[in-house]
Full PDB file with SEQRES, HELIX, SHEET, SSBOND, CRYST1, ORIGX, SCALE, CONECT and MASTER records, all heavy atoms in Angstrom:
SEQRES   1 A   35  GLN ARG GLY TYR THR VAL GLY VAL GLU ALA ALA ILE LEU          
SEQRES   2 A   35  LEU GLY GLN GLU GLN ASP ALA PHE GLY GLY GLY PHE ASP          
SEQRES   3 A   35  VAL TYR ASN SER PHE SER GLY GLU LEU                          
HELIX    1 AA1 VAL A   27  ASN A   29  5                                   3    
CRYST1    1.000    1.000    1.000  90.00  90.00  90.00 P 1           1          
ORIGX1      1.000000  0.000000  0.000000        0.00000                         
ORIGX2      0.000000  1.000000  0.000000        0.00000                         
ORIGX3      0.000000  0.000000  1.000000        0.00000                         
SCALE1      1.000000  0.000000  0.000000        0.00000                         
SCALE2      0.000000  1.000000  0.000000        0.00000                         
SCALE3      0.000000  0.000000  1.000000        0.00000                         
ATOM      1  N   GLN A   1      41.176 137.299 251.955  1.00  0.00           N  
ATOM      2  CA  GLN A   1      42.107 138.253 252.575  1.00  0.00           C  
ATOM      3  C   GLN A   1      42.515 139.413 251.653  1.00  0.00           C  
ATOM      4  O   GLN A   1      43.702 139.725 251.535  1.00  0.00           O  
ATOM      5  CB  GLN A   1      43.374 137.503 253.044  1.00  0.00           C  
ATOM      6  CG  GLN A   1      43.170 136.559 254.214  1.00  0.00           C  
ATOM      7  CD  GLN A   1      42.981 137.284 255.531  1.00  0.00           C  
ATOM      8  OE1 GLN A   1      42.109 138.127 255.665  1.00  0.00           O  
ATOM      9  NE2 GLN A   1      43.807 136.948 256.515  1.00  0.00           N  
ATOM     10  N   ARG A   2      41.500 140.072 251.050  1.00  0.00           N  
ATOM     11  CA  ARG A   2      41.810 141.240 250.215  1.00  0.00           C  
ATOM     12  C   ARG A   2      42.510 142.318 251.062  1.00  0.00           C  
ATOM     13  O   ARG A   2      42.085 142.604 252.178  1.00  0.00           O  
ATOM     14  CB  ARG A   2      40.502 141.789 249.663  1.00  0.00           C  
ATOM     15  CG  ARG A   2      40.664 142.879 248.636  1.00  0.00           C  
ATOM     16  CD  ARG A   2      39.298 143.239 248.101  1.00  0.00           C  
ATOM     17  NE  ARG A   2      39.402 144.063 246.917  1.00  0.00           N  
ATOM     18  CZ  ARG A   2      38.390 144.255 246.076  1.00  0.00           C  
ATOM     19  NH1 ARG A   2      37.235 143.646 246.290  1.00  0.00           N  
ATOM     20  NH2 ARG A   2      38.534 145.031 245.037  1.00  0.00           N  
ATOM     21  N   GLY A   3      43.582 142.879 250.499  1.00  0.00           N  
ATOM     22  CA  GLY A   3      44.289 143.953 251.183  1.00  0.00           C  
ATOM     23  C   GLY A   3      45.297 143.479 252.222  1.00  0.00           C  
ATOM     24  O   GLY A   3      45.976 144.290 252.851  1.00  0.00           O  
ATOM     25  N   TYR A   4      45.408 142.185 252.398  1.00  0.00           N  
ATOM     26  CA  TYR A   4      46.330 141.623 253.394  1.00  0.00           C  
ATOM     27  C   TYR A   4      47.770 141.641 252.847  1.00  0.00           C  
ATOM     28  O   TYR A   4      47.980 141.680 251.642  1.00  0.00           O  
ATOM     29  CB  TYR A   4      45.899 140.179 253.719  1.00  0.00           C  
ATOM     30  CG  TYR A   4      46.675 139.519 254.840  1.00  0.00           C  
ATOM     31  CD1 TYR A   4      46.397 139.820 256.167  1.00  0.00           C  
ATOM     32  CD2 TYR A   4      47.687 138.598 254.567  1.00  0.00           C  
ATOM     33  CE1 TYR A   4      47.100 139.225 257.204  1.00  0.00           C  
ATOM     34  CE2 TYR A   4      48.402 137.990 255.591  1.00  0.00           C  
ATOM     35  CZ  TYR A   4      48.104 138.306 256.904  1.00  0.00           C  
ATOM     36  OH  TYR A   4      48.803 137.713 257.919  1.00  0.00           O  
ATOM     37  N   THR A   5      48.736 141.624 253.752  1.00  0.00           N  
ATOM     38  CA  THR A   5      50.144 141.516 253.369  1.00  0.00           C  
ATOM     39  C   THR A   5      50.773 140.358 254.135  1.00  0.00           C  
ATOM     40  O   THR A   5      50.589 140.253 255.344  1.00  0.00           O  
ATOM     41  CB  THR A   5      50.904 142.815 253.711  1.00  0.00           C  
ATOM     42  OG1 THR A   5      50.302 143.893 252.988  1.00  0.00           O  
ATOM     43  CG2 THR A   5      52.363 142.718 253.290  1.00  0.00           C  
ATOM     44  N   VAL A   6      51.472 139.486 253.436  1.00  0.00           N  
ATOM     45  CA  VAL A   6      52.128 138.330 254.061  1.00  0.00           C  
ATOM     46  C   VAL A   6      53.480 138.765 254.636  1.00  0.00           C  
ATOM     47  O   VAL A   6      54.303 139.344 253.928  1.00  0.00           O  
ATOM     48  CB  VAL A   6      52.326 137.195 253.029  1.00  0.00           C  
ATOM     49  CG1 VAL A   6      53.204 136.081 253.590  1.00  0.00           C  
ATOM     50  CG2 VAL A   6      50.971 136.637 252.601  1.00  0.00           C  
ATOM     51  N   GLY A   7      53.689 138.495 255.909  1.00  0.00           N  
ATOM     52  CA  GLY A   7      54.912 138.899 256.610  1.00  0.00           C  
ATOM     53  C   GLY A   7      56.161 138.221 256.056  1.00  0.00           C  
ATOM     54  O   GLY A   7      56.090 137.185 255.389  1.00  0.00           O  
ATOM     55  N   VAL A   8      57.318 138.810 256.364  1.00  0.00           N  
ATOM     56  CA  VAL A   8      58.542 138.430 255.679  1.00  0.00           C  
ATOM     57  C   VAL A   8      59.494 137.567 256.523  1.00  0.00           C  
ATOM     58  O   VAL A   8      60.236 136.758 255.991  1.00  0.00           O  
ATOM     59  CB  VAL A   8      59.240 139.711 255.152  1.00  0.00           C  
ATOM     60  CG1 VAL A   8      59.903 140.472 256.273  1.00  0.00           C  
ATOM     61  CG2 VAL A   8      60.195 139.410 254.036  1.00  0.00           C  
ATOM     62  N   GLU A   9      59.476 137.715 257.840  1.00  0.00           N  
ATOM     63  CA  GLU A   9      60.357 136.909 258.707  1.00  0.00           C  
ATOM     64  C   GLU A   9      59.716 135.539 258.877  1.00  0.00           C  
ATOM     65  O   GLU A   9      58.954 135.327 259.819  1.00  0.00           O  
ATOM     66  CB  GLU A   9      60.520 137.593 260.067  1.00  0.00           C  
ATOM     67  CG  GLU A   9      61.291 138.902 260.012  1.00  0.00           C  
ATOM     68  CD  GLU A   9      62.787 138.685 259.860  1.00  0.00           C  
ATOM     69  OE1 GLU A   9      63.334 137.825 260.573  1.00  0.00           O  
ATOM     70  OE2 GLU A   9      63.400 139.342 259.005  1.00  0.00           O  
ATOM     71  N   ALA A  10      60.031 134.615 257.996  1.00  0.00           N  
ATOM     72  CA  ALA A  10      59.240 133.389 257.924  1.00  0.00           C  
ATOM     73  C   ALA A  10      60.034 132.126 258.216  1.00  0.00           C  
ATOM     74  O   ALA A  10      61.217 132.039 257.912  1.00  0.00           O  
ATOM     75  CB  ALA A  10      58.611 133.265 256.539  1.00  0.00           C  
ATOM     76  N   ALA A  11      59.335 131.154 258.818  1.00  0.00           N  
ATOM     77  CA  ALA A  11      59.833 129.776 258.889  1.00  0.00           C  
ATOM     78  C   ALA A  11      59.033 128.997 257.847  1.00  0.00           C  
ATOM     79  O   ALA A  11      57.792 128.959 257.909  1.00  0.00           O  
ATOM     80  CB  ALA A  11      59.606 129.196 260.275  1.00  0.00           C  
ATOM     81  N   ILE A  12      59.732 128.412 256.876  1.00  0.00           N  
ATOM     82  CA  ILE A  12      59.065 127.712 255.770  1.00  0.00           C  
ATOM     83  C   ILE A  12      59.404 126.228 255.856  1.00  0.00           C  
ATOM     84  O   ILE A  12      60.573 125.852 255.775  1.00  0.00           O  
ATOM     85  CB  ILE A  12      59.498 128.279 254.402  1.00  0.00           C  
ATOM     86  CG1 ILE A  12      59.338 129.803 254.376  1.00  0.00           C  
ATOM     87  CG2 ILE A  12      58.694 127.627 253.282  1.00  0.00           C  
ATOM     88  CD1 ILE A  12      59.861 130.466 253.103  1.00  0.00           C  
ATOM     89  N   LEU A  13      58.366 125.402 256.033  1.00  0.00           N  
ATOM     90  CA  LEU A  13      58.582 123.977 256.247  1.00  0.00           C  
ATOM     91  C   LEU A  13      57.759 123.130 255.287  1.00  0.00           C  
ATOM     92  O   LEU A  13      56.631 123.474 254.944  1.00  0.00           O  
ATOM     93  CB  LEU A  13      58.183 123.562 257.677  1.00  0.00           C  
ATOM     94  CG  LEU A  13      58.797 124.311 258.868  1.00  0.00           C  
ATOM     95  CD1 LEU A  13      58.392 123.616 260.157  1.00  0.00           C  
ATOM     96  CD2 LEU A  13      60.300 124.360 258.767  1.00  0.00           C  
ATOM     97  N   LEU A  14      58.332 121.991 254.906  1.00  0.00           N  
ATOM     98  CA  LEU A  14      57.594 120.953 254.186  1.00  0.00           C  
ATOM     99  C   LEU A  14      57.368 119.804 255.153  1.00  0.00           C  
ATOM    100  O   LEU A  14      58.269 119.423 255.900  1.00  0.00           O  
ATOM    101  CB  LEU A  14      58.413 120.432 253.005  1.00  0.00           C  
ATOM    102  CG  LEU A  14      58.831 121.448 251.943  1.00  0.00           C  
ATOM    103  CD1 LEU A  14      59.706 120.760 250.896  1.00  0.00           C  
ATOM    104  CD2 LEU A  14      57.618 122.080 251.289  1.00  0.00           C  
ATOM    105  N   GLY A  15      56.163 119.237 255.125  1.00  0.00           N  
ATOM    106  CA  GLY A  15      55.923 117.992 255.849  1.00  0.00           C  
ATOM    107  C   GLY A  15      55.305 118.124 257.222  1.00  0.00           C  
ATOM    108  O   GLY A  15      54.876 117.127 257.794  1.00  0.00           O  
ATOM    109  N   GLN A  16      55.246 119.357 257.760  1.00  0.00           N  
ATOM    110  CA  GLN A  16      54.582 119.579 259.046  1.00  0.00           C  
ATOM    111  C   GLN A  16      53.769 120.859 258.970  1.00  0.00           C  
ATOM    112  O   GLN A  16      54.068 121.756 258.181  1.00  0.00           O  
ATOM    113  CB  GLN A  16      55.586 119.726 260.202  1.00  0.00           C  
ATOM    114  CG  GLN A  16      56.419 118.497 260.487  1.00  0.00           C  
ATOM    115  CD  GLN A  16      55.664 117.380 261.192  1.00  0.00           C  
ATOM    116  OE1 GLN A  16      54.531 117.530 261.627  1.00  0.00           O  
ATOM    117  NE2 GLN A  16      56.306 116.219 261.291  1.00  0.00           N  
ATOM    118  N   GLU A  17      52.773 120.948 259.849  1.00  0.00           N  
ATOM    119  CA  GLU A  17      51.978 122.159 259.962  1.00  0.00           C  
ATOM    120  C   GLU A  17      52.392 122.881 261.242  1.00  0.00           C  
ATOM    121  O   GLU A  17      52.335 122.299 262.321  1.00  0.00           O  
ATOM    122  CB  GLU A  17      50.498 121.797 260.008  1.00  0.00           C  
ATOM    123  CG  GLU A  17      49.593 122.955 259.709  1.00  0.00           C  
ATOM    124  CD  GLU A  17      48.830 123.433 260.930  1.00  0.00           C  
ATOM    125  OE1 GLU A  17      48.204 122.611 261.606  1.00  0.00           O  
ATOM    126  OE2 GLU A  17      48.878 124.643 261.190  1.00  0.00           O  
ATOM    127  N   GLN A  18      52.840 124.130 261.128  1.00  0.00           N  
ATOM    128  CA  GLN A  18      53.329 124.878 262.287  1.00  0.00           C  
ATOM    129  C   GLN A  18      52.160 125.456 263.085  1.00  0.00           C  
ATOM    130  O   GLN A  18      51.303 126.134 262.517  1.00  0.00           O  
ATOM    131  CB  GLN A  18      54.245 126.015 261.830  1.00  0.00           C  
ATOM    132  CG  GLN A  18      55.439 125.543 261.014  1.00  0.00           C  
ATOM    133  CD  GLN A  18      56.291 126.677 260.485  1.00  0.00           C  
ATOM    134  OE1 GLN A  18      57.041 127.293 261.221  1.00  0.00           O  
ATOM    135  NE2 GLN A  18      56.185 126.948 259.187  1.00  0.00           N  
ATOM    136  N   ASP A  19      52.125 125.185 264.380  1.00  0.00           N  
ATOM    137  CA  ASP A  19      51.175 125.854 265.263  1.00  0.00           C  
ATOM    138  C   ASP A  19      51.895 126.897 266.104  1.00  0.00           C  
ATOM    139  O   ASP A  19      51.300 127.558 266.950  1.00  0.00           O  
ATOM    140  CB  ASP A  19      50.450 124.851 266.168  1.00  0.00           C  
ATOM    141  CG  ASP A  19      49.389 124.075 265.375  1.00  0.00           C  
ATOM    142  OD1 ASP A  19      48.805 124.672 264.448  1.00  0.00           O  
ATOM    143  OD2 ASP A  19      49.170 122.894 265.652  1.00  0.00           O  
ATOM    144  N   ALA A  20      53.198 127.009 265.909  1.00  0.00           N  
ATOM    145  CA  ALA A  20      54.016 128.059 266.498  1.00  0.00           C  
ATOM    146  C   ALA A  20      55.144 128.301 265.506  1.00  0.00           C  
ATOM    147  O   ALA A  20      55.372 127.476 264.624  1.00  0.00           O  
ATOM    148  CB  ALA A  20      54.572 127.602 267.845  1.00  0.00           C  
ATOM    149  N   PHE A  21      55.839 129.412 265.648  1.00  0.00           N  
ATOM    150  CA  PHE A  21      56.900 129.755 264.703  1.00  0.00           C  
ATOM    151  C   PHE A  21      57.993 128.680 264.707  1.00  0.00           C  
ATOM    152  O   PHE A  21      58.688 128.494 265.700  1.00  0.00           O  
ATOM    153  CB  PHE A  21      57.491 131.115 265.085  1.00  0.00           C  
ATOM    154  CG  PHE A  21      58.508 131.626 264.118  1.00  0.00           C  
ATOM    155  CD1 PHE A  21      58.138 132.092 262.870  1.00  0.00           C  
ATOM    156  CD2 PHE A  21      59.861 131.663 264.462  1.00  0.00           C  
ATOM    157  CE1 PHE A  21      59.077 132.578 261.967  1.00  0.00           C  
ATOM    158  CE2 PHE A  21      60.818 132.139 263.564  1.00  0.00           C  
ATOM    159  CZ  PHE A  21      60.416 132.600 262.327  1.00  0.00           C  
ATOM    160  N   GLY A  22      58.084 127.913 263.595  1.00  0.00           N  
ATOM    161  CA  GLY A  22      59.105 126.871 263.475  1.00  0.00           C  
ATOM    162  C   GLY A  22      58.840 125.617 264.287  1.00  0.00           C  
ATOM    163  O   GLY A  22      59.708 124.764 264.414  1.00  0.00           O  
ATOM    164  N   GLY A  23      57.631 125.455 264.824  1.00  0.00           N  
ATOM    165  CA  GLY A  23      57.363 124.275 265.658  1.00  0.00           C  
ATOM    166  C   GLY A  23      55.883 124.095 265.966  1.00  0.00           C  
ATOM    167  O   GLY A  23      55.022 124.522 265.203  1.00  0.00           O  
ATOM    168  N   GLY A  24      55.586 123.465 267.110  1.00  0.00           N  
ATOM    169  CA  GLY A  24      54.198 123.231 267.516  1.00  0.00           C  
ATOM    170  C   GLY A  24      53.495 122.233 266.611  1.00  0.00           C  
ATOM    171  O   GLY A  24      52.358 122.443 266.205  1.00  0.00           O  
ATOM    172  N   PHE A  25      54.194 121.153 266.264  1.00  0.00           N  
ATOM    173  CA  PHE A  25      53.634 120.198 265.298  1.00  0.00           C  
ATOM    174  C   PHE A  25      52.644 119.223 265.940  1.00  0.00           C  
ATOM    175  O   PHE A  25      52.793 118.857 267.093  1.00  0.00           O  
ATOM    176  CB  PHE A  25      54.756 119.362 264.653  1.00  0.00           C  
ATOM    177  CG  PHE A  25      55.879 120.175 264.093  1.00  0.00           C  
ATOM    178  CD1 PHE A  25      57.198 119.751 264.242  1.00  0.00           C  
ATOM    179  CD2 PHE A  25      55.640 121.355 263.404  1.00  0.00           C  
ATOM    180  CE1 PHE A  25      58.257 120.495 263.719  1.00  0.00           C  
ATOM    181  CE2 PHE A  25      56.693 122.105 262.870  1.00  0.00           C  
ATOM    182  CZ  PHE A  25      57.999 121.674 263.042  1.00  0.00           C  
ATOM    183  N   ASP A  26      51.663 118.811 265.126  1.00  0.00           N  
ATOM    184  CA  ASP A  26      50.790 117.692 265.478  1.00  0.00           C  
ATOM    185  C   ASP A  26      51.142 116.574 264.492  1.00  0.00           C  
ATOM    186  O   ASP A  26      50.973 116.735 263.281  1.00  0.00           O  
ATOM    187  CB  ASP A  26      49.324 118.125 265.309  1.00  0.00           C  
ATOM    188  CG  ASP A  26      48.340 116.981 265.464  1.00  0.00           C  
ATOM    189  OD1 ASP A  26      48.775 115.811 265.530  1.00  0.00           O  
ATOM    190  OD2 ASP A  26      47.135 117.247 265.507  1.00  0.00           O  
ATOM    191  N   VAL A  27      51.656 115.435 265.003  1.00  0.00           N  
ATOM    192  CA  VAL A  27      52.117 114.380 264.080  1.00  0.00           C  
ATOM    193  C   VAL A  27      50.983 113.883 263.177  1.00  0.00           C  
ATOM    194  O   VAL A  27      51.242 113.377 262.091  1.00  0.00           O  
ATOM    195  CB  VAL A  27      52.758 113.170 264.803  1.00  0.00           C  
ATOM    196  CG1 VAL A  27      54.061 113.562 265.456  1.00  0.00           C  
ATOM    197  CG2 VAL A  27      51.813 112.530 265.781  1.00  0.00           C  
ATOM    198  N   TYR A  28      49.723 114.063 263.620  1.00  0.00           N  
ATOM    199  CA  TYR A  28      48.611 113.589 262.785  1.00  0.00           C  
ATOM    200  C   TYR A  28      48.218 114.582 261.692  1.00  0.00           C  
ATOM    201  O   TYR A  28      47.257 114.378 260.972  1.00  0.00           O  
ATOM    202  CB  TYR A  28      47.428 113.171 263.671  1.00  0.00           C  
ATOM    203  CG  TYR A  28      47.820 111.957 264.473  1.00  0.00           C  
ATOM    204  CD1 TYR A  28      48.174 112.053 265.818  1.00  0.00           C  
ATOM    205  CD2 TYR A  28      47.959 110.715 263.851  1.00  0.00           C  
ATOM    206  CE1 TYR A  28      48.605 110.934 266.531  1.00  0.00           C  
ATOM    207  CE2 TYR A  28      48.390 109.605 264.551  1.00  0.00           C  
ATOM    208  CZ  TYR A  28      48.712 109.719 265.891  1.00  0.00           C  
ATOM    209  OH  TYR A  28      49.159 108.617 266.578  1.00  0.00           O  
ATOM    210  N   ASN A  29      48.998 115.642 261.559  1.00  0.00           N  
ATOM    211  CA  ASN A  29      48.900 116.516 260.388  1.00  0.00           C  
ATOM    212  C   ASN A  29      50.171 116.436 259.544  1.00  0.00           C  
ATOM    213  O   ASN A  29      50.371 117.236 258.641  1.00  0.00           O  
ATOM    214  CB  ASN A  29      48.692 117.982 260.811  1.00  0.00           C  
ATOM    215  CG  ASN A  29      47.277 118.230 261.291  1.00  0.00           C  
ATOM    216  OD1 ASN A  29      46.352 117.503 260.941  1.00  0.00           O  
ATOM    217  ND2 ASN A  29      47.097 119.252 262.109  1.00  0.00           N  
ATOM    218  N   SER A  30      51.042 115.475 259.878  1.00  0.00           N  
ATOM    219  CA  SER A  30      52.328 115.372 259.175  1.00  0.00           C  
ATOM    220  C   SER A  30      52.144 114.691 257.822  1.00  0.00           C  
ATOM    221  O   SER A  30      51.211 113.917 257.619  1.00  0.00           O  
ATOM    222  CB  SER A  30      53.320 114.579 260.019  1.00  0.00           C  
ATOM    223  OG  SER A  30      52.890 113.238 260.175  1.00  0.00           O  
ATOM    224  N   PHE A  31      53.066 114.991 256.925  1.00  0.00           N  
ATOM    225  CA  PHE A  31      53.047 114.374 255.596  1.00  0.00           C  
ATOM    226  C   PHE A  31      53.895 113.112 255.601  1.00  0.00           C  
ATOM    227  O   PHE A  31      54.945 113.049 256.237  1.00  0.00           O  
ATOM    228  CB  PHE A  31      53.606 115.351 254.556  1.00  0.00           C  
ATOM    229  CG  PHE A  31      53.657 114.764 253.171  1.00  0.00           C  
ATOM    230  CD1 PHE A  31      52.507 114.649 252.407  1.00  0.00           C  
ATOM    231  CD2 PHE A  31      54.853 114.319 252.629  1.00  0.00           C  
ATOM    232  CE1 PHE A  31      52.545 114.087 251.132  1.00  0.00           C  
ATOM    233  CE2 PHE A  31      54.907 113.766 251.353  1.00  0.00           C  
ATOM    234  CZ  PHE A  31      53.747 113.656 250.609  1.00  0.00           C  
ATOM    235  N   SER A  32      53.416 112.115 254.897  1.00  0.00           N  
ATOM    236  CA  SER A  32      54.184 110.896 254.691  1.00  0.00           C  
ATOM    237  C   SER A  32      54.033 110.518 253.220  1.00  0.00           C  
ATOM    238  O   SER A  32      52.922 110.471 252.700  1.00  0.00           O  
ATOM    239  CB  SER A  32      53.616 109.803 255.601  1.00  0.00           C  
ATOM    240  OG  SER A  32      54.094 108.558 255.213  1.00  0.00           O  
ATOM    241  N   GLY A  33      55.164 110.302 252.542  1.00  0.00           N  
ATOM    242  CA  GLY A  33      55.115 110.032 251.103  1.00  0.00           C  
ATOM    243  C   GLY A  33      56.240 110.778 250.413  1.00  0.00           C  
ATOM    244  O   GLY A  33      57.305 110.977 251.001  1.00  0.00           O  
ATOM    245  N   GLU A  34      56.004 111.192 249.165  1.00  0.00           N  
ATOM    246  CA  GLU A  34      57.047 111.839 248.365  1.00  0.00           C  
ATOM    247  C   GLU A  34      56.619 113.253 247.946  1.00  0.00           C  
ATOM    248  O   GLU A  34      55.467 113.457 247.571  1.00  0.00           O  
ATOM    249  CB  GLU A  34      57.348 110.995 247.117  1.00  0.00           C  
ATOM    250  CG  GLU A  34      57.715 109.559 247.464  1.00  0.00           C  
ATOM    251  CD  GLU A  34      58.270 108.758 246.285  1.00  0.00           C  
ATOM    252  OE1 GLU A  34      58.592 109.343 245.235  1.00  0.00           O  
ATOM    253  OE2 GLU A  34      58.381 107.526 246.441  1.00  0.00           O  
ATOM    254  N   LEU A  35      57.578 114.167 248.019  1.00  0.00           N  
ATOM    255  CA  LEU A  35      57.345 115.558 247.595  1.00  0.00           C  
ATOM    256  C   LEU A  35      58.414 115.973 246.603  1.00  0.00           C  
ATOM    257  O   LEU A  35      59.582 115.592 246.744  1.00  0.00           O  
ATOM    258  CB  LEU A  35      57.430 116.519 248.787  1.00  0.00           C  
ATOM    259  CG  LEU A  35      56.246 116.646 249.744  1.00  0.00           C  
ATOM    260  CD1 LEU A  35      56.554 117.700 250.798  1.00  0.00           C  
ATOM    261  CD2 LEU A  35      54.966 116.990 249.014  1.00  0.00           C  
TER     262      LEU A  35                                                      
MASTER        0    0    0    1    0    0    0    6  261    1    0    3          
END                                                                             
């Protein structure tokens, strides 16, 4: 992604993968353990 810019209005989460802003989780991509 040369030349790309990362947007600023962000939802930042640990333990889930967002498929929508702040949500849209698939439990089989969830983290289990220690961070």
